[in-house]
Structure formats: C-alpha cells, structure tokens
Amino acid sequence: MTALLRRVLSRRISVEALIELGLWLALPYLLIGIVYTFLNAARVDWMEAQLNQVLPAGANIVAFAESTLLWPLLLLTPLICP
C-alpha cells in the first residue's frame, strides 16, 4: 500500500495540470451548488433578509454565493439544527 502511494506521489506534474485538475473538480461542485440554490429559493431569501441588516448593498449577491458555495453544509443544517 505504501509503495503504491509513494509511486503515485513521486510522479512529476506541472502547475498548469494541477490548475486544470482543480478547475475540472470545481465544475461539478459549482453546478450542484447552483442547482441547490435554485431549488431552495426560500432559504436564499431568508439568508438575504438576515444579511440585509448587516450588508444592505449586495445582500442578494452574497446570499446567492453563500448558498452556492456552502451547499454541503446547508444540506446538513436541518439535521443539526431542527
């Protein structure tokens, strides 16, 4: 097992290949987040109302971005905070 891990980690990879891998891995994450945001518009409205008290300008954009980026956490919050 360690020999396999050493062999995989010893491969040389360029910086541009790492960036490309990161972009390909981020694409499905963001697509799932956008779909989750559109399906849970009530939660985005609630987050926007909470943010309006602190950040009147741009609360809708911040609420949309927060819901899109933190969708795994938002899936678990009904289980953590009933």
Protein backbone atom coordinates (compact mmCIF):
# COMPACT_ATOMS: atom_id res chain seq x y z
CA MET A 1 0.00 0.00 0.00
CA THR A 2 2.77 2.44 0.88
CA ALA A 3 4.69 1.50 -2.24
CA LEU A 4 1.69 2.36 -4.38
CA LEU A 5 1.24 5.66 -2.55
CA ARG A 6 4.93 6.51 -2.98
CA ARG A 7 4.77 5.69 -6.68
CA VAL A 8 1.71 7.90 -7.20
CA LEU A 9 3.16 10.79 -5.19
CA SER A 10 6.55 10.59 -6.91
CA ARG A 11 5.11 11.44 -10.33
CA ARG A 12 6.01 14.88 -11.58
CA ILE A 13 3.10 17.08 -12.59
CA SER A 14 3.14 20.62 -13.95
CA VAL A 15 1.46 23.57 -12.32
CA GLU A 16 -0.89 24.04 -15.26
CA ALA A 17 -2.00 20.40 -14.96
CA LEU A 18 -2.77 20.98 -11.26
CA ILE A 19 -4.77 24.10 -12.10
CA GLU A 20 -6.67 22.22 -14.80
CA LEU A 21 -7.44 19.39 -12.38
CA GLY A 22 -8.69 21.90 -9.82
CA LEU A 23 -10.97 23.55 -12.37
CA TRP A 24 -12.39 20.20 -13.52
CA LEU A 25 -13.06 19.21 -9.91
CA ALA A 26 -14.66 22.59 -9.10
CA LEU A 27 -17.05 22.50 -12.06
CA PRO A 28 -19.41 19.75 -10.78
CA TYR A 29 -19.27 21.22 -7.26
CA LEU A 30 -20.43 24.61 -8.52
CA LEU A 31 -23.08 23.12 -10.81
CA ILE A 32 -24.56 21.15 -7.92
CA GLY A 33 -24.45 24.32 -5.81
CA ILE A 34 -26.30 26.35 -8.43
CA VAL A 35 -28.99 23.68 -8.79
CA TYR A 36 -29.33 23.50 -5.00
CA THR A 37 -29.64 27.29 -4.81
CA PHE A 38 -32.39 27.41 -7.43
CA LEU A 39 -34.30 24.57 -5.77
CA ASN A 40 -34.13 26.18 -2.32
CA ALA A 41 -35.01 29.78 -3.12
CA ALA A 42 -36.81 30.24 0.21
CA ARG A 43 -33.58 29.61 2.10
CA VAL A 44 -31.75 32.14 -0.09
CA ASP A 45 -34.48 34.70 0.63
CA TRP A 46 -34.11 34.03 4.37
CA MET A 47 -30.33 34.44 4.17
CA GLU A 48 -30.79 37.65 2.17
CA ALA A 49 -33.13 39.03 4.84
CA GLN A 50 -30.56 38.24 7.52
CA LEU A 51 -27.76 39.84 5.50
CA ASN A 52 -29.82 42.96 4.73
CA GLN A 53 -29.43 44.05 8.35
CA VAL A 54 -25.64 43.97 8.11
CA LEU A 55 -24.96 44.50 4.41
CA PRO A 56 -27.75 46.48 2.72
CA ALA A 57 -25.98 46.78 -0.64
CA GLY A 58 -25.33 43.44 -2.28
CA ALA A 59 -27.06 41.18 0.22
CA ASN A 60 -28.76 39.26 -2.59
CA ILE A 61 -25.46 38.51 -4.33
CA VAL A 62 -23.79 37.43 -1.09
CA ALA A 63 -26.76 35.20 -0.21
CA PHE A 64 -26.66 33.57 -3.65
CA ALA A 65 -22.89 33.00 -3.46
CA GLU A 66 -23.13 31.71 0.10
CA SER A 67 -25.82 29.22 -0.83
CA THR A 68 -23.96 28.11 -3.96
CA LEU A 69 -20.61 27.61 -2.24
CA LEU A 70 -21.81 26.19 1.08
CA TRP A 71 -24.45 23.76 -0.23
CA PRO A 72 -22.99 20.68 1.55
CA LEU A 73 -23.23 22.47 4.89
CA LEU A 74 -26.75 23.66 4.11
CA LEU A 75 -27.78 20.08 3.38
CA LEU A 76 -26.73 19.09 6.90
CA THR A 77 -28.15 22.03 8.86
CA PRO A 78 -31.71 20.66 9.11
CA LEU A 79 -30.21 17.57 10.73
CA ILE A 80 -28.03 19.58 13.12
CA CYS A 81 -30.45 22.41 13.96
CA PRO A 82 -34.05 21.17 13.79
